[in-house]
Amino acid sequence: MKLKTISILFILFAFSFFYFFFSFSPKLFSKVSPLCPEEGDLLVIGSIADASILVPMLATDAMSHIVAEKIFRGIVKYAPDMTIVGDLAEKFEISPDKKTITFYLKKGVKWEDGAEVTAYDVEFGFNLIRDPRIPSAYASDFLEVEKFKVLDPYTFQVTYKRPFALALPSWGNLVVLPKHLLKDKDLKYLQSVFGRKPLGNGPFKFYSWEPQSQIKLIYNPFYSEGRACLDGLVFRVIPDPSTLFMELRGGGVDWISLTPLQYLKLEREEPLKKDFQIYRYLAFSYTYVGYNLRDPLFKDKRVRKALCYAINKEKIVKGALLGQGVPAYGPYKPDAWFYNPAIEKSCPYNPKEALKLLEEAGFKRGKDGLLYKDGRPFEFALLTNQGNLPRLLAAQIIKQDLSKLGIKVNIRVMEWTTLIHQFIDKRRFQAVILGWTTGPDPDLYDIFHSSKVESPGLNFVGYKNKEVDRLLEEGRYTLDKEKRKEIYYRLQEILAEDQPYTFLYIPMSLEAIHKRFHGIKPAPIGISYNIERWWVPKNDQKYLVP
């Protein structure tokens, strides 16, 4: 977007929201909540990527889950201190043998259309995610259930085949769906109709979706925990980070995740800094290079280990992140109880060791300086997504590092949904820079177990290791914390040796949010966990709703 058009577009954008909420305001149907010091205003969130589908069990990208979690509640959720507490569940009981959980649902919880949320909705979603015709990447957790029984409309009981470490946390929002709307519908309807216009039970409800432009949510007047303080959320899709930052400056968005360069700029610009609060913390995510292990270039683990030695992670953190992050040596944050610090010594930057391993794998340098094997040069395409400057800069540093060894890297930058659906889901890539969001539990079954190599499984690199499979399974069925720690320590050692990914960095989360928003309470779980309780003083409200 050109600079001279920003003010005009912002006026039109603000007017469109005013018209939108004037034409339909749920305030007409709601009571004032005692939980909100003030009600009103919109939170406009800028994002470089659009969502793909708003049904949690079918979504595999972060943006889809970010939007959907505002619409759908789970049976349980993570509290701010990262303990598990009830959400739709008023309470739950775990049997002495750790195999059976009984959930007691809160009464009076409504879907947006006024129908009551019951155990039959959960049973419907549970049966749906286990259906082999449903392309869900998360079915494995629910296939561990031996018996699901509805005891009454507000109580259900699940019995597992054996004690399962993920039994409790798996009952988030994946399987809570409105049975009365979906029971006679097919997969196509779930994906193309309900997935584009869902009906939920959370603090906000869906209003509209303009693909590659914006998603609008308004507060749900039937939300059982008291209406959200804000009138709505708007997710604006702006793929170019520079344009996104200009929108922040111009008032077109209220919240963006800053790039490291933008963070430094904002820190230096006093007029802008006085309007925005920056929340800075080590993110629950990591960025990596994933290799397609079906490709002959990457089948030999000596080659992958050589690439790890050849890539200077410290340089990437300094150059791509401007110091706003730490090097990654595995799939966990260094402050996690299951993190194995020994893996940090697995492949320090060492180009000589890298070249030695490549020579052992059969590569020889040609007259043109490139490495060859069987007459073919070591050359590959490295994909990454549009709008993520640190990943692009990391790709450029990787290209420089590998060129010193005689490896030619061709960088390709793609729009997010194209990259995921046309290349990753179809396994049509050689190497890709992507990231995973992590959580409080060390389970990596969906990402690295060999049963997940086919689409829609998340092990898209095609990694297979029998010991890893065994460890991932043991980790799921071991409840003792120290024993689980031993399991995941060993898992990290194998991943560091096999290198299905070259783990690059764990970034700092740099969230810039306009200071007119109150009620933000940073916690170990992050900042957005209580977004329905964010509020704006009347005199500071920007988008007025009658």
Protein backbone atom coordinates (compact mmCIF):
# COMPACT_ATOMS: atom_id res chain seq x y z
CA MET A 1 0.00 0.00 0.00
CA LYS A 2 1.46 3.37 -0.96
CA LEU A 3 2.08 5.82 1.83
CA LYS A 4 -0.08 8.58 0.34
CA THR A 5 -3.17 6.34 0.32
CA ILE A 6 -2.98 5.23 3.96
CA SER A 7 -4.99 8.06 5.48
CA ILE A 8 -7.77 7.72 2.89
CA LEU A 9 -7.96 3.95 3.30
CA PHE A 10 -7.96 4.26 7.07
CA ILE A 11 -10.95 6.64 6.96
CA LEU A 12 -12.82 4.23 4.70
CA PHE A 13 -11.80 1.30 6.91
CA ALA A 14 -13.01 3.00 10.10
CA PHE A 15 -16.27 4.01 8.43
CA SER A 16 -16.86 0.44 7.28
CA PHE A 17 -16.60 -0.79 10.87
CA PHE A 18 -18.95 1.92 12.08
CA TYR A 19 -21.49 0.98 9.44
CA PHE A 20 -21.02 -2.73 10.10
CA PHE A 21 -21.69 -2.47 13.82
CA PHE A 22 -24.44 0.11 13.41
CA SER A 23 -26.27 -2.25 11.04
CA PHE A 24 -26.05 -5.15 13.48
CA SER A 25 -25.22 -4.66 17.11
CA PRO A 26 -25.58 -7.56 19.56
CA LYS A 27 -25.81 -5.01 22.37
CA LEU A 28 -29.52 -5.06 21.71
CA PHE A 29 -29.62 -8.59 23.07
CA SER A 30 -27.15 -8.55 25.95
CA LYS A 31 -26.88 -7.46 29.54
CA VAL A 32 -24.10 -5.31 30.94
CA SER A 33 -21.42 -7.54 32.40
CA PRO A 34 -20.11 -6.79 35.92
CA LEU A 35 -16.77 -8.21 34.72
CA CYS A 36 -16.13 -5.23 32.43
CA PRO A 37 -15.19 -1.79 33.79
CA GLU A 38 -16.28 -0.50 30.38
CA GLU A 39 -17.80 -2.08 27.30
CA GLY A 40 -17.24 -1.24 23.67
CA ASP A 41 -14.57 -0.66 21.00
CA LEU A 42 -12.85 -3.07 18.63
CA LEU A 43 -9.46 -4.71 18.73
CA VAL A 44 -7.98 -4.74 15.23
CA ILE A 45 -5.25 -7.38 14.94
CA GLY A 46 -2.82 -7.35 12.04
CA SER A 47 -1.63 -10.67 10.62
CA ILE A 48 0.62 -11.63 7.71
CA ALA A 49 -1.44 -14.78 7.04
CA ASP A 50 -5.09 -15.62 6.60
CA ALA A 51 -6.84 -18.53 8.31
CA SER A 52 -7.71 -21.57 6.21
CA ILE A 53 -10.61 -23.19 8.09
CA LEU A 54 -12.34 -22.41 11.38
CA VAL A 55 -13.04 -25.95 12.56
CA PRO A 56 -10.32 -26.75 15.14
CA MET A 57 -10.11 -30.49 14.41
CA LEU A 58 -9.46 -29.75 10.70
CA ALA A 59 -7.10 -26.78 11.10
CA THR A 60 -3.35 -27.31 10.83
CA ASP A 61 -2.14 -23.68 10.66
CA ALA A 62 -1.65 -21.32 13.57
CA MET A 63 -3.89 -18.51 12.29
CA SER A 64 -6.90 -20.81 11.96
CA HIS A 65 -6.47 -21.95 15.56
CA ILE A 66 -5.94 -18.38 16.81
CA VAL A 67 -9.28 -17.28 15.36
CA ALA A 68 -11.17 -20.50 16.15
CA GLU A 69 -10.20 -20.48 19.83
CA LYS A 70 -12.12 -17.22 20.23
CA ILE A 71 -15.24 -18.95 18.83
CA PHE A 72 -15.08 -22.44 20.35
CA ARG A 73 -14.52 -23.39 23.99
CA GLY A 74 -12.93 -26.61 25.13
CA ILE A 75 -13.79 -29.03 27.89
CA VAL A 76 -10.59 -27.98 29.64
CA LYS A 77 -7.98 -25.29 29.05
CA TYR A 78 -4.60 -24.13 30.30
CA ALA A 79 -4.80 -21.57 33.09
CA PRO A 80 -2.43 -18.56 33.13
CA ASP A 81 0.04 -20.55 35.26
CA MET A 82 -0.17 -23.41 32.71
CA THR A 83 -2.10 -25.78 34.96
CA ILE A 84 -5.12 -27.54 33.47
CA VAL A 85 -8.52 -26.27 34.59
CA GLY A 86 -12.09 -26.74 33.46
CA ASP A 87 -13.56 -24.59 30.72
CA LEU A 88 -16.89 -26.11 29.70
CA ALA A 89 -16.27 -28.61 32.47
CA GLU A 90 -17.30 -27.48 35.92
CA LYS A 91 -15.13 -30.23 37.34
CA PHE A 92 -13.52 -33.55 36.39
CA GLU A 93 -12.55 -36.67 38.28
CA ILE A 94 -9.72 -39.08 37.46
CA SER A 95 -9.99 -42.70 38.59
CA PRO A 96 -7.32 -44.24 40.86
CA ASP A 97 -6.00 -46.38 38.00
CA LYS A 98 -5.60 -43.19 35.86
CA LYS A 99 -7.57 -44.74 33.00
CA THR A 100 -10.99 -43.10 33.42
CA ILE A 101 -11.95 -39.42 33.49
CA THR A 102 -15.44 -38.22 34.31
CA PHE A 103 -16.29 -34.72 33.11
CA TYR A 104 -19.14 -32.69 34.62
CA LEU A 105 -20.24 -29.93 32.26
CA LYS A 106 -21.51 -26.55 33.33
CA LYS A 107 -25.25 -26.20 32.89
CA GLY A 108 -26.77 -23.38 30.91
CA VAL A 109 -23.92 -22.96 28.41
CA LYS A 110 -25.35 -22.01 25.01
CA TRP A 111 -24.42 -22.21 21.38
CA GLU A 112 -24.81 -18.92 19.53
CA ASP A 113 -28.28 -19.95 18.33
CA GLY A 114 -29.48 -20.49 21.90
CA ALA A 115 -29.28 -24.30 21.92
CA GLU A 116 -27.68 -25.75 25.04
CA VAL A 117 -24.19 -27.28 24.95
CA THR A 118 -24.42 -30.85 26.24
CA ALA A 119 -22.40 -34.03 26.51
CA TYR A 120 -24.06 -35.19 23.28
CA ASP A 121 -22.23 -32.42 21.41
CA VAL A 122 -18.94 -33.71 22.80
CA GLU A 123 -19.87 -37.29 21.90
CA PHE A 124 -20.67 -36.15 18.35
CA GLY A 125 -17.32 -34.39 17.95
CA PHE A 126 -15.48 -37.33 19.53
CA ASN A 127 -16.98 -39.78 17.04
CA LEU A 128 -16.31 -37.38 14.19
CA ILE A 129 -12.59 -36.91 14.86
CA ARG A 130 -12.15 -40.70 15.11
CA ASP A 131 -13.86 -41.25 11.77
CA PRO A 132 -11.15 -42.26 9.24
CA ARG A 133 -12.94 -40.23 6.58
CA ILE A 134 -12.24 -37.02 8.54
CA PRO A 135 -8.80 -35.58 7.63
CA SER A 136 -7.77 -34.56 11.13
CA ALA A 137 -4.13 -34.41 12.20
CA TYR A 138 -5.18 -34.81 15.85
CA ALA A 139 -7.17 -38.05 15.82
CA SER A 140 -4.49 -40.17 17.49
CA ASP A 141 -5.19 -38.73 20.96
CA PHE A 142 -8.81 -39.81 20.74
CA LEU A 143 -8.07 -43.22 19.26
CA GLU A 144 -6.55 -44.03 22.65
CA VAL A 145 -10.03 -43.97 24.19
CA GLU A 146 -11.50 -47.41 24.71
CA LYS A 147 -14.96 -46.27 25.79
CA PHE A 148 -16.93 -43.03 25.67
CA LYS A 149 -20.15 -42.96 27.66
CA VAL A 150 -22.71 -40.18 28.14
CA LEU A 151 -24.03 -40.52 31.69
CA ASP A 152 -26.53 -37.67 31.40
CA PRO A 153 -26.79 -34.47 29.32
CA TYR A 154 -24.13 -32.79 31.47
CA THR A 155 -21.83 -35.69 32.32
CA PHE A 156 -19.67 -37.95 30.19
CA GLN A 157 -16.98 -40.48 30.97
CA VAL A 158 -13.98 -41.59 28.92
CA THR A 159 -11.99 -44.74 29.63
CA TYR A 160 -8.58 -45.20 28.05
CA LYS A 161 -6.97 -48.46 26.98
CA ARG A 162 -4.13 -47.66 29.37
CA PRO A 163 -2.93 -44.62 31.33
CA PHE A 164 -2.37 -41.82 28.84
CA ALA A 165 -0.28 -38.75 29.68
CA LEU A 166 -2.23 -36.53 27.30
CA ALA A 167 -5.64 -37.74 28.42
CA LEU A 168 -6.64 -34.56 30.20
CA PRO A 169 -5.07 -31.81 28.02
CA SER A 170 -6.40 -33.41 24.81
CA TRP A 171 -9.95 -32.37 25.77
CA GLY A 172 -9.59 -28.82 24.53
CA ASN A 173 -11.79 -27.38 21.78
CA LEU A 174 -11.10 -30.03 19.12
CA VAL A 175 -14.22 -32.11 19.68
CA VAL A 176 -16.88 -29.66 20.87
CA LEU A 177 -19.22 -29.16 17.91
CA PRO A 178 -22.98 -28.42 17.63
CA LYS A 179 -24.57 -31.80 16.99
CA HIS A 180 -27.97 -30.28 16.23
CA LEU A 181 -26.50 -28.46 13.24
CA LEU A 182 -24.01 -30.99 11.92
CA LYS A 183 -25.39 -34.46 12.61
CA ASP A 184 -26.80 -34.92 9.08
CA LYS A 185 -24.01 -33.07 7.24
CA ASP A 186 -21.11 -34.50 5.27
CA LEU A 187 -17.41 -33.64 5.24
CA LYS A 188 -17.81 -31.22 2.35
CA TYR A 189 -20.33 -29.21 4.36
CA LEU A 190 -18.06 -29.23 7.42
CA GLN A 191 -15.14 -27.93 5.36
CA SER A 192 -16.69 -25.52 2.88
CA VAL A 193 -19.78 -24.25 4.73
CA PHE A 194 -19.40 -24.62 8.51
CA GLY A 195 -15.62 -24.23 8.25
CA ARG A 196 -16.10 -20.85 6.58
CA LYS A 197 -19.01 -19.69 8.75
CA PRO A 198 -18.90 -21.50 12.08
CA LEU A 199 -21.33 -21.30 14.96
CA GLY A 200 -19.65 -21.55 18.33
CA ASN A 201 -20.01 -21.14 22.09
CA GLY A 202 -17.09 -18.88 22.96
CA PRO A 203 -16.77 -15.22 23.95
CA PHE A 204 -16.89 -14.07 20.33
CA LYS A 205 -18.90 -15.22 17.35
CA PHE A 206 -18.22 -15.23 13.66
CA TYR A 207 -19.59 -12.39 11.55
CA SER A 208 -17.79 -12.28 8.19
CA TRP A 209 -14.73 -13.43 6.30
CA GLU A 210 -13.22 -11.72 3.29
CA PRO A 211 -10.45 -14.10 2.13
CA GLN A 212 -6.97 -12.59 2.21
CA SER A 213 -8.48 -9.40 3.66
CA GLN A 214 -10.12 -9.73 7.07
CA ILE A 215 -12.13 -11.84 9.49
CA LYS A 216 -14.64 -10.10 11.76
CA LEU A 217 -15.88 -11.48 15.06
CA ILE A 218 -18.43 -9.82 17.34
CA TYR A 219 -19.07 -10.56 20.97
CA ASN A 220 -21.38 -13.48 21.66
CA PRO A 221 -24.39 -12.38 23.75
CA PHE A 222 -24.98 -16.02 24.77
CA TYR A 223 -21.46 -16.46 26.22
CA SER A 224 -22.08 -18.04 29.62
CA GLU A 225 -19.19 -16.35 31.43
CA GLY A 226 -20.49 -12.82 30.84
CA ARG A 227 -20.19 -10.80 27.65
CA ALA A 228 -16.76 -9.90 26.35
CA CYS A 229 -15.80 -6.34 27.21
CA LEU A 230 -14.87 -5.52 23.62
CA ASP A 231 -17.54 -5.33 20.94
CA GLY A 232 -15.47 -7.36 18.54
CA LEU A 233 -12.19 -8.52 17.08
CA VAL A 234 -11.02 -7.89 13.54
CA PHE A 235 -8.17 -9.88 12.02
CA ARG A 236 -6.73 -7.90 9.12
CA VAL A 237 -4.58 -9.86 6.68
CA ILE A 238 -1.62 -7.77 5.52
CA PRO A 239 1.06 -10.09 4.08
CA ASP A 240 3.77 -7.43 3.79
CA PRO A 241 5.41 -6.65 7.17
CA SER A 242 6.38 -3.12 6.09
CA THR A 243 2.79 -2.30 5.16
CA LEU A 244 1.61 -3.88 8.40
CA PHE A 245 3.94 -1.63 10.41
CA MET A 246 2.75 1.41 8.45
CA GLU A 247 -0.82 0.45 9.36
CA LEU A 248 0.21 0.35 13.01
CA ARG A 249 1.68 3.82 12.69
CA GLY A 250 -1.38 5.11 10.87
CA GLY A 251 -3.87 3.64 13.33
CA GLY A 252 -5.23 0.96 11.00
CA VAL A 253 -4.37 -1.84 13.42
CA ASP A 254 -4.08 -2.03 17.20
CA TRP A 255 -1.94 -5.14 17.65
CA ILE A 256 0.83 -6.69 15.60
CA SER A 257 3.67 -9.08 16.23
CA LEU A 258 6.75 -6.98 15.54
CA THR A 259 9.72 -8.12 13.54
CA PRO A 260 13.00 -7.51 15.37
CA LEU A 261 13.74 -4.52 13.14
CA GLN A 262 10.30 -3.05 13.81
CA TYR A 263 10.82 -3.58 17.52
CA LEU A 264 14.02 -1.53 17.44
CA LYS A 265 12.34 1.17 15.35
CA LEU A 266 9.40 1.42 17.73
CA GLU A 267 11.72 1.62 20.73
CA ARG A 268 13.43 4.62 19.12
CA GLU A 269 10.31 6.47 17.99
CA GLU A 270 8.98 8.24 21.07
CA PRO A 271 5.70 9.48 19.48
CA LEU A 272 4.85 5.90 18.48
CA LYS A 273 6.22 4.30 21.62
CA LYS A 274 4.01 6.40 23.88
CA ASP A 275 0.91 4.92 22.22
CA PHE A 276 1.94 1.25 22.32
CA GLN A 277 2.87 -1.20 25.02
CA ILE A 278 5.39 -3.85 23.98
CA TYR A 279 5.15 -7.31 25.54
CA ARG A 280 8.44 -9.16 25.12
CA TYR A 281 8.97 -12.82 26.10
CA LEU A 282 10.52 -15.97 24.72
CA ALA A 283 7.95 -17.40 22.34
CA PHE A 284 6.30 -20.81 22.60
CA SER A 285 7.68 -21.69 19.17
CA TYR A 286 10.77 -22.58 17.21
CA THR A 287 11.88 -22.08 13.61
CA TYR A 288 13.61 -24.80 11.62
CA VAL A 289 14.69 -26.04 8.21
CA GLY A 290 12.69 -29.18 7.40
CA TYR A 291 14.15 -31.57 4.83
CA ASN A 292 12.02 -33.77 2.61
CA LEU A 293 13.57 -37.11 3.47
CA ARG A 294 12.01 -38.66 0.36
CA ASP A 295 14.43 -36.56 -1.72
CA PRO A 296 17.68 -38.44 -2.52
CA LEU A 297 19.72 -35.40 -1.45
CA PHE A 298 18.55 -35.66 2.15
CA LYS A 299 18.15 -39.38 2.78
CA ASP A 300 21.66 -39.74 4.24
CA LYS A 301 21.72 -38.41 7.79
CA ARG A 302 25.40 -37.53 7.37
CA VAL A 303 24.30 -34.92 4.83
CA ARG A 304 21.72 -33.48 7.21
CA LYS A 305 24.22 -33.44 10.07
CA ALA A 306 26.70 -31.70 7.78
CA LEU A 307 24.13 -29.01 7.01
CA CYS A 308 23.66 -28.47 10.74
CA TYR A 309 27.41 -27.99 11.18
CA ALA A 310 27.50 -25.64 8.19
CA ILE A 311 24.74 -23.28 9.34
CA ASN A 312 25.80 -20.58 11.76
CA LYS A 313 22.86 -20.28 14.18
CA GLU A 314 24.43 -17.51 16.24
CA LYS A 315 24.83 -15.48 13.05
CA ILE A 316 21.16 -16.07 12.23
CA VAL A 317 20.04 -14.92 15.68
CA LYS A 318 22.16 -11.77 15.37
CA GLY A 319 21.44 -11.07 11.68
CA ALA A 320 17.87 -12.27 11.18
CA LEU A 321 16.53 -11.61 14.69
CA LEU A 322 18.83 -8.71 15.64
CA GLY A 323 19.48 -10.59 18.86
CA GLN A 324 15.78 -11.01 19.70
CA GLY A 325 15.89 -14.76 20.25
CA VAL A 326 18.14 -17.67 21.08
CA PRO A 327 19.60 -20.49 18.95
CA ALA A 328 17.52 -23.67 18.85
CA TYR A 329 19.13 -27.08 19.14
CA GLY A 330 15.94 -29.06 19.47
CA PRO A 331 12.15 -28.68 19.60
CA TYR A 332 11.85 -27.27 23.14
CA LYS A 333 12.37 -23.98 24.93
CA PRO A 334 15.51 -24.01 27.11
CA ASP A 335 13.50 -23.19 30.25
CA ALA A 336 11.23 -26.27 29.89
CA TRP A 337 11.56 -29.01 32.54
CA PHE A 338 12.06 -31.58 29.77
CA TYR A 339 14.81 -29.68 27.90
CA ASN A 340 18.09 -31.55 27.49
CA PRO A 341 20.98 -29.04 27.53
CA ALA A 342 23.44 -31.67 26.29
CA ILE A 343 22.08 -31.33 22.73
CA GLU A 344 23.59 -27.85 22.51
CA LYS A 345 26.93 -29.54 21.80
CA SER A 346 25.53 -31.78 19.04
CA CYS A 347 26.54 -29.71 16.01
CA PRO A 348 28.24 -26.39 16.76
CA TYR A 349 29.13 -24.24 13.78
CA ASN A 350 32.02 -26.10 12.13
CA PRO A 351 32.34 -25.87 8.30
CA LYS A 352 35.34 -28.21 8.27
CA GLU A 353 33.39 -30.97 10.03
CA ALA A 354 30.52 -30.34 7.63
CA LEU A 355 32.74 -30.78 4.58
CA LYS A 356 34.25 -33.94 6.06
CA LEU A 357 30.80 -35.50 6.51
CA LEU A 358 29.78 -34.52 2.99
CA GLU A 359 32.92 -36.14 1.57
CA GLU A 360 32.13 -39.29 3.56
CA ALA A 361 28.66 -39.21 1.99
CA GLY A 362 30.23 -39.21 -1.50
CA PHE A 363 30.33 -35.54 -2.43
CA LYS A 364 33.35 -34.07 -4.20
CA ARG A 365 34.12 -30.52 -5.20
CA GLY A 366 34.03 -29.80 -8.94
CA LYS A 367 36.03 -27.34 -10.98
CA ASP A 368 33.24 -24.79 -10.63
CA GLY A 369 33.51 -24.95 -6.84
CA LEU A 370 30.22 -26.82 -6.36
CA LEU A 371 29.88 -30.18 -4.64
CA TYR A 372 28.91 -33.12 -6.87
CA LYS A 373 27.77 -36.67 -6.32
CA ASP A 374 27.16 -39.10 -9.17
CA GLY A 375 27.56 -36.20 -11.58
CA ARG A 376 24.81 -34.13 -9.97
CA PRO A 377 25.47 -30.85 -8.15
CA PHE A 378 24.32 -30.35 -4.57
CA GLU A 379 21.56 -27.87 -5.33
CA PHE A 380 18.12 -27.51 -3.78
CA ALA A 381 15.16 -25.16 -3.39
CA LEU A 382 14.55 -23.68 0.06
CA LEU A 383 10.95 -22.52 0.52
CA THR A 384 9.56 -20.13 3.08
CA ASN A 385 6.46 -18.01 3.53
CA GLN A 386 5.84 -14.45 2.46
CA GLY A 387 5.67 -11.79 5.14
CA ASN A 388 8.12 -13.31 7.62
CA LEU A 389 11.27 -11.22 7.29
CA PRO A 390 13.34 -13.14 9.90
CA ARG A 391 12.76 -16.39 7.98
CA LEU A 392 13.76 -14.74 4.71
CA LEU A 393 16.90 -13.29 6.29
CA ALA A 394 17.66 -16.70 7.82
CA ALA A 395 17.30 -18.26 4.38
CA GLN A 396 19.77 -15.74 2.94
CA ILE A 397 22.31 -16.45 5.70
CA ILE A 398 21.88 -20.19 5.14
CA LYS A 399 22.43 -19.68 1.42
CA GLN A 400 25.66 -17.79 2.15
CA ASP A 401 26.90 -20.38 4.66
CA LEU A 402 26.22 -23.33 2.36
CA SER A 403 27.67 -21.64 -0.72
CA LYS A 404 31.03 -21.62 1.06
CA LEU A 405 30.93 -25.42 0.99
CA GLY A 406 29.86 -25.61 -2.65
CA ILE A 407 26.12 -26.07 -2.09
CA LYS A 408 23.73 -24.00 -4.19
CA VAL A 409 20.50 -22.89 -2.49
CA ASN A 410 17.61 -21.37 -4.44
CA ILE A 411 15.26 -19.40 -2.16
CA ARG A 412 11.56 -19.33 -3.03
CA VAL A 413 9.13 -17.15 -1.08
CA MET A 414 5.43 -18.03 -1.26
CA GLU A 415 2.08 -16.83 -0.01
CA TRP A 416 1.21 -18.74 3.15
CA THR A 417 -1.84 -20.77 2.08
CA THR A 418 -0.20 -21.67 -1.25
CA LEU A 419 2.91 -22.90 0.54
CA ILE A 420 0.95 -25.03 2.99
CA HIS A 421 -1.75 -26.48 0.76
CA GLN A 422 0.07 -26.80 -2.56
CA PHE A 423 3.55 -27.75 -1.37
CA ILE A 424 3.67 -28.95 2.24
CA ASP A 425 0.38 -30.87 2.30
CA LYS A 426 1.25 -32.44 -1.07
CA ARG A 427 4.87 -33.13 -0.02
CA ARG A 428 6.13 -31.19 -3.07
CA PHE A 429 9.26 -29.59 -1.63
CA GLN A 430 12.94 -30.23 -0.97
CA ALA A 431 13.55 -28.05 2.07
CA VAL A 432 11.44 -25.45 3.85
CA ILE A 433 11.83 -22.93 6.65
CA LEU A 434 8.80 -23.08 8.93
CA GLY A 435 8.00 -22.97 12.62
CA TRP A 436 6.03 -24.94 15.16
CA THR A 437 4.15 -23.63 18.15
CA THR A 438 5.06 -25.52 21.31
CA GLY A 439 3.15 -26.08 24.54
CA PRO A 440 3.51 -27.07 28.16
CA ASP A 441 3.71 -30.80 27.35
CA PRO A 442 6.70 -32.41 25.59
CA ASP A 443 4.61 -34.72 23.36
CA LEU A 444 5.79 -34.66 19.72
CA TYR A 445 3.88 -37.67 18.45
CA ASP A 446 2.00 -35.81 15.71
CA ILE A 447 5.17 -34.23 14.34
CA PHE A 448 7.75 -37.04 14.40
CA HIS A 449 5.94 -40.38 14.63
CA SER A 450 6.20 -42.44 11.44
CA SER A 451 2.43 -42.99 11.36
CA LYS A 452 2.05 -39.29 10.57
CA VAL A 453 4.07 -39.10 7.34
CA GLU A 454 1.09 -39.13 4.98
CA SER A 455 -1.11 -36.06 4.54
CA PRO A 456 -2.81 -34.63 6.58
CA GLY A 457 -0.23 -35.89 9.09
CA LEU A 458 2.18 -33.27 10.40
CA ASN A 459 5.30 -35.37 9.83
CA PHE A 460 5.49 -33.95 6.33
CA VAL A 461 9.28 -34.38 6.12
CA GLY A 462 8.75 -38.16 6.13
CA TYR A 463 10.93 -38.93 9.16
CA LYS A 464 10.96 -42.56 10.30
CA ASN A 465 12.94 -43.96 13.21
CA LYS A 466 11.83 -47.02 15.18
CA GLU A 467 13.41 -45.89 18.44
CA VAL A 468 11.81 -42.47 18.10
CA ASP A 469 8.44 -44.13 17.51
CA ARG A 470 8.93 -46.22 20.62
CA LEU A 471 9.95 -43.22 22.74
CA LEU A 472 7.04 -41.13 21.50
CA GLU A 473 4.66 -43.94 22.42
CA GLU A 474 6.28 -44.50 25.83
CA GLY A 475 6.16 -40.78 26.54
CA ARG A 476 2.42 -40.79 25.97
CA TYR A 477 1.80 -43.72 28.31
CA THR A 478 4.19 -42.73 31.11
CA LEU A 479 2.73 -40.60 33.89
CA ASP A 480 5.78 -40.34 36.14
CA LYS A 481 7.38 -36.95 35.48
CA GLU A 482 11.00 -38.07 35.96
CA LYS A 483 10.54 -41.08 33.71
CA ARG A 484 8.96 -38.88 31.05
CA LYS A 485 11.92 -36.54 31.38
CA GLU A 486 14.32 -39.41 30.66
CA ILE A 487 12.27 -40.40 27.61
CA TYR A 488 12.27 -36.93 26.10
CA TYR A 489 15.93 -36.37 26.92
CA ARG A 490 16.74 -39.42 24.82
CA LEU A 491 14.35 -38.29 22.08
CA GLN A 492 16.18 -34.96 21.79
CA GLU A 493 19.51 -36.77 21.50
CA ILE A 494 18.24 -38.85 18.58
CA LEU A 495 16.75 -35.85 16.79
CA ALA A 496 20.06 -34.02 17.24
CA GLU A 497 21.84 -36.97 15.65
CA ASP A 498 19.37 -37.67 12.83
CA GLN A 499 18.63 -34.02 12.02
CA PRO A 500 15.29 -34.39 10.20
CA TYR A 501 15.19 -30.66 10.92
CA THR A 502 17.99 -28.20 11.35
CA PHE A 503 16.65 -26.34 14.37
CA LEU A 504 17.45 -22.65 13.89
CA TYR A 505 16.09 -20.38 16.61
CA ILE A 506 13.50 -19.67 19.26
CA PRO A 507 12.33 -16.08 18.70
CA MET A 508 11.30 -13.51 21.21
CA SER A 509 7.60 -12.73 21.00
CA LEU A 510 7.41 -8.97 20.43
CA GLU A 511 3.79 -7.90 20.72
CA ALA A 512 2.89 -4.24 20.21
CA ILE A 513 -0.60 -3.41 21.52
CA HIS A 514 -2.18 0.02 21.70
CA LYS A 515 -2.18 1.41 25.25
CA ARG A 516 -5.88 2.18 25.20
CA PHE A 517 -6.49 -1.52 25.89
CA HIS A 518 -6.56 -2.43 29.58
CA GLY A 519 -6.86 -5.75 31.39
CA ILE A 520 -3.85 -7.37 29.70
CA LYS A 521 -2.13 -9.57 32.27
CA PRO A 522 1.09 -11.26 31.08
CA ALA A 523 1.48 -14.78 32.44
CA PRO A 524 3.52 -17.91 31.72
CA ILE A 525 0.86 -18.95 29.18
CA GLY A 526 1.17 -15.65 27.26
CA ILE A 527 -1.08 -12.59 27.01
CA SER A 528 -4.18 -13.44 24.97
CA TYR A 529 -5.67 -16.04 27.32
CA ASN A 530 -8.11 -13.46 28.79
CA ILE A 531 -8.80 -11.40 25.68
CA GLU A 532 -12.53 -11.38 26.47
CA ARG A 533 -11.67 -9.30 29.57
CA TRP A 534 -9.61 -6.66 27.75
CA TRP A 535 -11.37 -3.31 27.84
CA VAL A 536 -11.06 0.31 26.78
CA PRO A 537 -12.10 3.39 28.81
CA LYS A 538 -15.06 5.17 27.21
CA ASN A 539 -13.10 8.33 26.48
CA ASP A 540 -10.43 6.33 24.65
CA GLN A 541 -12.73 4.17 22.55
CA LYS A 542 -12.05 4.48 18.84
CA TYR A 543 -14.81 2.53 17.14
CA LEU A 544 -18.12 3.71 18.55
CA VAL A 545 -21.01 1.27 18.45
CA PRO A 546 -24.58 2.47 19.09
